[in-house]
PDB file of all heavy atoms in Angstrom:
ATOM      1  N   ILE A   1      -6.018  18.823   3.655  1.00  0.00           N
ATOM      2  CA  ILE A   1      -6.063  17.638   2.808  1.00  0.00           C
ATOM      3  C   ILE A   1      -4.764  17.559   1.955  1.00  0.00           C
ATOM      4  O   ILE A   1      -4.185  16.478   1.770  1.00  0.00           O
ATOM      5  CB  ILE A   1      -7.305  17.715   1.870  1.00  0.00           C
ATOM      6  CG1 ILE A   1      -8.575  17.662   2.703  1.00  0.00           C
ATOM      7  CG2 ILE A   1      -7.294  16.559   0.885  1.00  0.00           C
ATOM      8  CD1 ILE A   1      -9.868  17.922   1.902  1.00  0.00           C
ATOM      9  N   PHE A   2      -4.414  18.688   1.411  1.00  0.00           N
ATOM     10  CA  PHE A   2      -3.205  18.759   0.607  1.00  0.00           C
ATOM     11  C   PHE A   2      -1.993  18.262   1.349  1.00  0.00           C
ATOM     12  O   PHE A   2      -1.149  17.540   0.797  1.00  0.00           O
ATOM     13  CB  PHE A   2      -3.001  20.225   0.136  1.00  0.00           C
ATOM     14  CG  PHE A   2      -1.954  20.412  -0.922  1.00  0.00           C
ATOM     15  CD1 PHE A   2      -2.271  20.265  -2.261  1.00  0.00           C
ATOM     16  CD2 PHE A   2      -0.630  20.666  -0.547  1.00  0.00           C
ATOM     17  CE1 PHE A   2      -1.274  20.409  -3.205  1.00  0.00           C
ATOM     18  CE2 PHE A   2       0.349  20.817  -1.525  1.00  0.00           C
ATOM     19  CZ  PHE A   2       0.022  20.719  -2.881  1.00  0.00           C
ATOM     20  N   ALA A   3      -1.903  18.586   2.600  1.00  0.00           N
ATOM     21  CA  ALA A   3      -0.717  18.227   3.408  1.00  0.00           C
ATOM     22  C   ALA A   3      -0.663  16.761   3.710  1.00  0.00           C
ATOM     23  O   ALA A   3       0.422  16.185   3.947  1.00  0.00           O
ATOM     24  CB  ALA A   3      -0.697  19.070   4.686  1.00  0.00           C
ATOM     25  N   GLN A   4      -1.850  16.092   3.731  1.00  0.00           N
ATOM     26  CA  GLN A   4      -1.890  14.642   4.054  1.00  0.00           C
ATOM     27  C   GLN A   4      -1.332  13.793   2.958  1.00  0.00           C
ATOM     28  O   GLN A   4      -0.862  12.695   3.224  1.00  0.00           O
ATOM     29  CB  GLN A   4      -3.332  14.266   4.373  1.00  0.00           C
ATOM     30  CG  GLN A   4      -3.888  14.827   5.642  1.00  0.00           C
ATOM     31  CD  GLN A   4      -3.296  14.148   6.891  1.00  0.00           C
ATOM     32  OE1 GLN A   4      -2.904  13.011   6.811  1.00  0.00           O
ATOM     33  NE2 GLN A   4      -3.215  14.891   7.965  1.00  0.00           N
ATOM     34  N   VAL A   5      -1.427  14.197   1.727  1.00  0.00           N
ATOM     35  CA  VAL A   5      -1.065  13.346   0.607  1.00  0.00           C
ATOM     36  C   VAL A   5       0.350  13.662   0.144  1.00  0.00           C
ATOM     37  O   VAL A   5       0.664  14.816  -0.161  1.00  0.00           O
ATOM     38  CB  VAL A   5      -2.026  13.582  -0.564  1.00  0.00           C
ATOM     39  CG1 VAL A   5      -1.682  12.667  -1.728  1.00  0.00           C
ATOM     40  CG2 VAL A   5      -3.447  13.327  -0.134  1.00  0.00           C
ATOM     41  N   PRO A   6       1.257  12.713   0.127  1.00  0.00           N
ATOM     42  CA  PRO A   6       2.613  12.951  -0.308  1.00  0.00           C
ATOM     43  C   PRO A   6       2.665  13.393  -1.795  1.00  0.00           C
ATOM     44  O   PRO A   6       1.849  12.936  -2.621  1.00  0.00           O
ATOM     45  CB  PRO A   6       3.312  11.603  -0.130  1.00  0.00           C
ATOM     46  CG  PRO A   6       2.239  10.602  -0.149  1.00  0.00           C
ATOM     47  CD  PRO A   6       1.041  11.285   0.449  1.00  0.00           C
ATOM     48  N   THR A   7       3.606  14.252  -2.084  1.00  0.00           N
ATOM     49  CA  THR A   7       3.698  14.719  -3.478  1.00  0.00           C
ATOM     50  C   THR A   7       4.295  13.665  -4.371  1.00  0.00           C
ATOM     51  O   THR A   7       4.117  13.723  -5.592  1.00  0.00           O
ATOM     52  CB  THR A   7       4.599  15.987  -3.528  1.00  0.00           C
ATOM     53  OG1 THR A   7       5.860  15.701  -2.948  1.00  0.00           O
ATOM     54  CG2 THR A   7       3.904  17.158  -2.799  1.00  0.00           C
ATOM     55  N   LEU A   8       4.972  12.673  -3.795  1.00  0.00           N
ATOM     56  CA  LEU A   8       5.576  11.651  -4.582  1.00  0.00           C
ATOM     57  C   LEU A   8       5.516  10.289  -3.816  1.00  0.00           C
ATOM     58  O   LEU A   8       5.856  10.236  -2.664  1.00  0.00           O
ATOM     59  CB  LEU A   8       7.034  11.968  -4.897  1.00  0.00           C
ATOM     60  CG  LEU A   8       7.838  10.879  -5.588  1.00  0.00           C
ATOM     61  CD1 LEU A   8       7.272  10.634  -7.007  1.00  0.00           C
ATOM     62  CD2 LEU A   8       9.335  11.243  -5.650  1.00  0.00           C
ATOM     63  N   LEU A   9       5.037   9.297  -4.541  1.00  0.00           N
ATOM     64  CA  LEU A   9       5.072   7.889  -3.967  1.00  0.00           C
ATOM     65  C   LEU A   9       6.147   7.145  -4.768  1.00  0.00           C
ATOM     66  O   LEU A   9       6.106   7.088  -5.980  1.00  0.00           O
ATOM     67  CB  LEU A   9       3.738   7.252  -4.192  1.00  0.00           C
ATOM     68  CG  LEU A   9       2.641   7.593  -3.184  1.00  0.00           C
ATOM     69  CD1 LEU A   9       1.346   6.864  -3.551  1.00  0.00           C
ATOM     70  CD2 LEU A   9       3.037   7.219  -1.756  1.00  0.00           C
ATOM     71  N   THR A  10       7.065   6.551  -4.041  1.00  0.00           N
ATOM     72  CA  THR A  10       8.128   5.796  -4.722  1.00  0.00           C
ATOM     73  C   THR A  10       7.595   4.414  -5.125  1.00  0.00           C
ATOM     74  O   THR A  10       6.585   3.910  -4.554  1.00  0.00           O
ATOM     75  CB  THR A  10       9.346   5.626  -3.814  1.00  0.00           C
ATOM     76  OG1 THR A  10       9.003   4.798  -2.693  1.00  0.00           O
ATOM     77  CG2 THR A  10       9.832   6.970  -3.352  1.00  0.00           C
ATOM     78  N   ALA A  11       8.265   3.764  -6.057  1.00  0.00           N
ATOM     79  CA  ALA A  11       7.906   2.407  -6.444  1.00  0.00           C
ATOM     80  C   ALA A  11       7.965   1.455  -5.262  1.00  0.00           C
ATOM     81  O   ALA A  11       7.138   0.571  -5.130  1.00  0.00           O
ATOM     82  CB  ALA A  11       8.814   1.951  -7.580  1.00  0.00           C
ATOM     83  N   THR A  12       8.973   1.682  -4.394  1.00  0.00           N
ATOM     84  CA  THR A  12       9.113   0.806  -3.231  1.00  0.00           C
ATOM     85  C   THR A  12       7.911   0.913  -2.297  1.00  0.00           C
ATOM     86  O   THR A  12       7.407  -0.072  -1.793  1.00  0.00           O
ATOM     87  CB  THR A  12      10.413   1.115  -2.484  1.00  0.00           C
ATOM     88  OG1 THR A  12      11.539   0.913  -3.335  1.00  0.00           O
ATOM     89  CG2 THR A  12      10.579   0.277  -1.255  1.00  0.00           C
ATOM     90  N   GLN A  13       7.471   2.147  -2.052  1.00  0.00           N
ATOM     91  CA  GLN A  13       6.334   2.347  -1.184  1.00  0.00           C
ATOM     92  C   GLN A  13       5.065   1.685  -1.708  1.00  0.00           C
ATOM     93  O   GLN A  13       4.282   1.046  -0.966  1.00  0.00           O
ATOM     94  CB  GLN A  13       6.054   3.867  -0.985  1.00  0.00           C
ATOM     95  CG  GLN A  13       7.074   4.595  -0.148  1.00  0.00           C
ATOM     96  CD  GLN A  13       6.850   6.104  -0.169  1.00  0.00           C
ATOM     97  OE1 GLN A  13       6.682   6.716  -1.213  1.00  0.00           O
ATOM     98  NE2 GLN A  13       6.860   6.700   1.030  1.00  0.00           N
ATOM     99  N   ILE A  14       4.868   1.784  -3.045  1.00  0.00           N
ATOM    100  CA  ILE A  14       3.679   1.184  -3.636  1.00  0.00           C
ATOM    101  C   ILE A  14       3.805  -0.325  -3.591  1.00  0.00           C
ATOM    102  O   ILE A  14       2.803  -1.018  -3.233  1.00  0.00           O
ATOM    103  CB  ILE A  14       3.579   1.658  -5.096  1.00  0.00           C
ATOM    104  CG1 ILE A  14       3.311   3.167  -5.117  1.00  0.00           C
ATOM    105  CG2 ILE A  14       2.474   0.875  -5.834  1.00  0.00           C
ATOM    106  CD1 ILE A  14       3.294   3.751  -6.514  1.00  0.00           C
ATOM    107  N   ARG A  15       4.948  -0.913  -3.880  1.00  0.00           N
ATOM    108  CA  ARG A  15       5.099  -2.366  -3.813  1.00  0.00           C
ATOM    109  C   ARG A  15       4.921  -2.881  -2.424  1.00  0.00           C
ATOM    110  O   ARG A  15       4.245  -3.929  -2.213  1.00  0.00           O
ATOM    111  CB  ARG A  15       6.486  -2.771  -4.368  1.00  0.00           C
ATOM    112  CG  ARG A  15       6.677  -2.603  -5.848  1.00  0.00           C
ATOM    113  CD  ARG A  15       7.896  -3.340  -6.314  1.00  0.00           C
ATOM    114  NE  ARG A  15       8.164  -3.094  -7.724  1.00  0.00           N
ATOM    115  CZ  ARG A  15       9.005  -2.142  -8.189  1.00  0.00           C
ATOM    116  NH1 ARG A  15       9.707  -1.451  -7.301  1.00  0.00           N
ATOM    117  NH2 ARG A  15       9.195  -1.983  -9.482  1.00  0.00           N
ATOM    118  N   GLU A  16       5.434  -2.192  -1.425  1.00  0.00           N
ATOM    119  CA  GLU A  16       5.266  -2.655  -0.059  1.00  0.00           C
ATOM    120  C   GLU A  16       3.765  -2.609   0.376  1.00  0.00           C
ATOM    121  O   GLU A  16       3.316  -3.548   1.041  1.00  0.00           O
ATOM    122  CB  GLU A  16       6.089  -1.748   0.890  1.00  0.00           C
ATOM    123  CG  GLU A  16       7.600  -1.984   0.770  1.00  0.00           C
ATOM    124  CD  GLU A  16       8.378  -1.047   1.650  1.00  0.00           C
ATOM    125  OE1 GLU A  16       7.760  -0.093   2.216  1.00  0.00           O
ATOM    126  OE2 GLU A  16       9.587  -1.264   1.834  1.00  0.00           O
ATOM    127  N   ALA A  17       3.073  -1.569  -0.043  1.00  0.00           N
ATOM    128  CA  ALA A  17       1.643  -1.502   0.279  1.00  0.00           C
ATOM    129  C   ALA A  17       0.861  -2.616  -0.437  1.00  0.00           C
ATOM    130  O   ALA A  17      -0.002  -3.240   0.138  1.00  0.00           O
ATOM    131  CB  ALA A  17       1.099  -0.121  -0.123  1.00  0.00           C
ATOM    132  N   MET A  18       1.233  -2.888  -1.720  1.00  0.00           N
ATOM    133  CA  MET A  18       0.561  -3.933  -2.495  1.00  0.00           C
ATOM    134  C   MET A  18       0.874  -5.303  -1.802  1.00  0.00           C
ATOM    135  O   MET A  18       0.017  -6.186  -1.743  1.00  0.00           O
ATOM    136  CB  MET A  18       1.062  -3.915  -3.888  1.00  0.00           C
ATOM    137  CG  MET A  18       0.583  -2.786  -4.747  1.00  0.00           C
ATOM    138  SD  MET A  18      -1.208  -2.866  -5.069  1.00  0.00           S
ATOM    139  CE  MET A  18      -1.365  -1.620  -6.330  1.00  0.00           C
ATOM    140  N   ASP A  19       2.083  -5.513  -1.361  1.00  0.00           N
ATOM    141  CA  ASP A  19       2.451  -6.785  -0.704  1.00  0.00           C
ATOM    142  C   ASP A  19       1.609  -6.981   0.574  1.00  0.00           C
ATOM    143  O   ASP A  19       1.163  -8.093   0.840  1.00  0.00           O
ATOM    144  CB  ASP A  19       3.930  -6.788  -0.338  1.00  0.00           C
ATOM    145  CG  ASP A  19       4.826  -6.973  -1.557  1.00  0.00           C
ATOM    146  OD1 ASP A  19       4.311  -7.370  -2.606  1.00  0.00           O
ATOM    147  OD2 ASP A  19       6.026  -6.654  -1.471  1.00  0.00           O
ATOM    148  N   GLU A  20       1.425  -5.898   1.311  1.00  0.00           N
ATOM    149  CA  GLU A  20       0.600  -5.993   2.536  1.00  0.00           C
ATOM    150  C   GLU A  20      -0.841  -6.333   2.207  1.00  0.00           C
ATOM    151  O   GLU A  20      -1.470  -7.161   2.905  1.00  0.00           O
ATOM    152  CB  GLU A  20       0.669  -4.667   3.329  1.00  0.00           C
ATOM    153  CG  GLU A  20       2.071  -4.399   3.976  1.00  0.00           C
ATOM    154  CD  GLU A  20       2.078  -3.069   4.655  1.00  0.00           C
ATOM    155  OE1 GLU A  20       0.986  -2.492   4.902  1.00  0.00           O
ATOM    156  OE2 GLU A  20       3.209  -2.578   4.997  1.00  0.00           O
ATOM    157  N   ILE A  21      -1.366  -5.756   1.120  1.00  0.00           N
ATOM    158  CA  ILE A  21      -2.766  -6.059   0.722  1.00  0.00           C
ATOM    159  C   ILE A  21      -2.853  -7.486   0.312  1.00  0.00           C
ATOM    160  O   ILE A  21      -3.822  -8.212   0.677  1.00  0.00           O
ATOM    161  CB  ILE A  21      -3.176  -5.147  -0.458  1.00  0.00           C
ATOM    162  CG1 ILE A  21      -3.218  -3.663  -0.016  1.00  0.00           C
ATOM    163  CG2 ILE A  21      -4.495  -5.584  -1.017  1.00  0.00           C
ATOM    164  CD1 ILE A  21      -3.490  -2.679  -1.115  1.00  0.00           C
ATOM    165  N   ALA A  22      -1.864  -7.989  -0.453  1.00  0.00           N
ATOM    166  CA  ALA A  22      -1.891  -9.397  -0.864  1.00  0.00           C
ATOM    167  C   ALA A  22      -1.892 -10.333   0.299  1.00  0.00           C
ATOM    168  O   ALA A  22      -2.643 -11.360   0.326  1.00  0.00           O
ATOM    169  CB  ALA A  22      -0.651  -9.665  -1.782  1.00  0.00           C
ATOM    170  N   VAL A  23      -1.083 -10.058   1.307  1.00  0.00           N
ATOM    171  CA  VAL A  23      -1.022 -10.905   2.510  1.00  0.00           C
ATOM    172  C   VAL A  23      -2.327 -10.869   3.275  1.00  0.00           C
ATOM    173  O   VAL A  23      -2.845 -11.878   3.727  1.00  0.00           O
ATOM    174  CB  VAL A  23       0.195 -10.471   3.406  1.00  0.00           C
ATOM    175  CG1 VAL A  23       0.118 -11.180   4.765  1.00  0.00           C
ATOM    176  CG2 VAL A  23       1.517 -10.744   2.732  1.00  0.00           C
ATOM    177  N   GLU A  24      -2.902  -9.705   3.383  1.00  0.00           N
ATOM    178  CA  GLU A  24      -4.145  -9.526   4.138  1.00  0.00           C
ATOM    179  C   GLU A  24      -5.294 -10.310   3.447  1.00  0.00           C
ATOM    180  O   GLU A  24      -6.087 -11.017   4.127  1.00  0.00           O
ATOM    181  CB  GLU A  24      -4.552  -8.045   4.227  1.00  0.00           C
ATOM    182  CG  GLU A  24      -3.632  -7.263   5.141  1.00  0.00           C
ATOM    183  CD  GLU A  24      -3.862  -5.753   5.044  1.00  0.00           C
ATOM    184  OE1 GLU A  24      -4.769  -5.384   4.225  1.00  0.00           O
ATOM    185  OE2 GLU A  24      -3.160  -4.961   5.699  1.00  0.00           O
ATOM    186  N   LEU A  25      -5.359 -10.249   2.137  1.00  0.00           N
ATOM    187  CA  LEU A  25      -6.365 -11.001   1.406  1.00  0.00           C
ATOM    188  C   LEU A  25      -6.226 -12.506   1.539  1.00  0.00           C
ATOM    189  O   LEU A  25      -7.196 -13.252   1.712  1.00  0.00           O
ATOM    190  CB  LEU A  25      -6.297 -10.599  -0.076  1.00  0.00           C
ATOM    191  CG  LEU A  25      -6.765  -9.175  -0.416  1.00  0.00           C
ATOM    192  CD1 LEU A  25      -6.535  -8.907  -1.907  1.00  0.00           C
ATOM    193  CD2 LEU A  25      -8.170  -8.897  -0.028  1.00  0.00           C
ATOM    194  N   SER A  26      -4.990 -12.963   1.486  1.00  0.00           N
ATOM    195  CA  SER A  26      -4.710 -14.378   1.615  1.00  0.00           C
ATOM    196  C   SER A  26      -5.018 -14.918   3.005  1.00  0.00           C
ATOM    197  O   SER A  26      -5.684 -15.922   3.142  1.00  0.00           O
ATOM    198  CB  SER A  26      -3.273 -14.684   1.242  1.00  0.00           C
ATOM    199  OG  SER A  26      -2.967 -16.012   1.337  1.00  0.00           O
ATOM    200  N   GLU A  27      -4.557 -14.194   3.995  1.00  0.00           N
ATOM    201  CA  GLU A  27      -4.783 -14.633   5.371  1.00  0.00           C
ATOM    202  C   GLU A  27      -6.278 -14.551   5.823  1.00  0.00           C
ATOM    203  O   GLU A  27      -6.693 -15.332   6.669  1.00  0.00           O
ATOM    204  CB  GLU A  27      -3.933 -13.802   6.314  1.00  0.00           C
ATOM    205  CG  GLU A  27      -2.441 -14.046   6.179  1.00  0.00           C
ATOM    206  CD  GLU A  27      -1.607 -13.197   7.094  1.00  0.00           C
ATOM    207  OE1 GLU A  27      -2.160 -12.240   7.708  1.00  0.00           O
ATOM    208  OE2 GLU A  27      -0.408 -13.474   7.275  1.00  0.00           O
ATOM    209  N   SER A  28      -6.997 -13.650   5.242  1.00  0.00           N
ATOM    210  CA  SER A  28      -8.416 -13.501   5.626  1.00  0.00           C
ATOM    211  C   SER A  28      -9.322 -14.468   4.871  1.00  0.00           C
ATOM    212  O   SER A  28     -10.519 -14.519   5.127  1.00  0.00           O
ATOM    213  CB  SER A  28      -8.865 -12.068   5.404  1.00  0.00           C
ATOM    214  OG  SER A  28      -8.799 -11.741   4.020  1.00  0.00           O
ATOM    215  N   GLY A  29      -8.754 -15.174   3.861  1.00  0.00           N
ATOM    216  CA  GLY A  29      -9.580 -16.136   3.086  1.00  0.00           C
ATOM    217  C   GLY A  29     -10.555 -15.459   2.144  1.00  0.00           C
ATOM    218  O   GLY A  29     -11.639 -16.036   1.885  1.00  0.00           O
ATOM    219  N   GLU A  30     -10.255 -14.286   1.654  1.00  0.00           N
ATOM    220  CA  GLU A  30     -11.123 -13.591   0.715  1.00  0.00           C
ATOM    221  C   GLU A  30     -11.301 -14.387  -0.552  1.00  0.00           C
ATOM    222  O   GLU A  30     -10.494 -15.241  -0.870  1.00  0.00           O
ATOM    223  CB  GLU A  30     -10.552 -12.194   0.379  1.00  0.00           C
ATOM    224  CG  GLU A  30     -10.685 -11.174   1.486  1.00  0.00           C
ATOM    225  CD  GLU A  30     -12.098 -10.679   1.682  1.00  0.00           C
ATOM    226  OE1 GLU A  30     -12.966 -11.048   0.868  1.00  0.00           O
ATOM    227  OE2 GLU A  30     -12.331  -9.910   2.597  1.00  0.00           O
TER     228      GLU A  30
END
């Protein structure tokens, strides 16, 4: 479990993931 989780998440990684979530919610009509 420890090996699966990165020790550091960059701001860019978080923003990109958030952007993908935003697109998915919009396209799915949530």
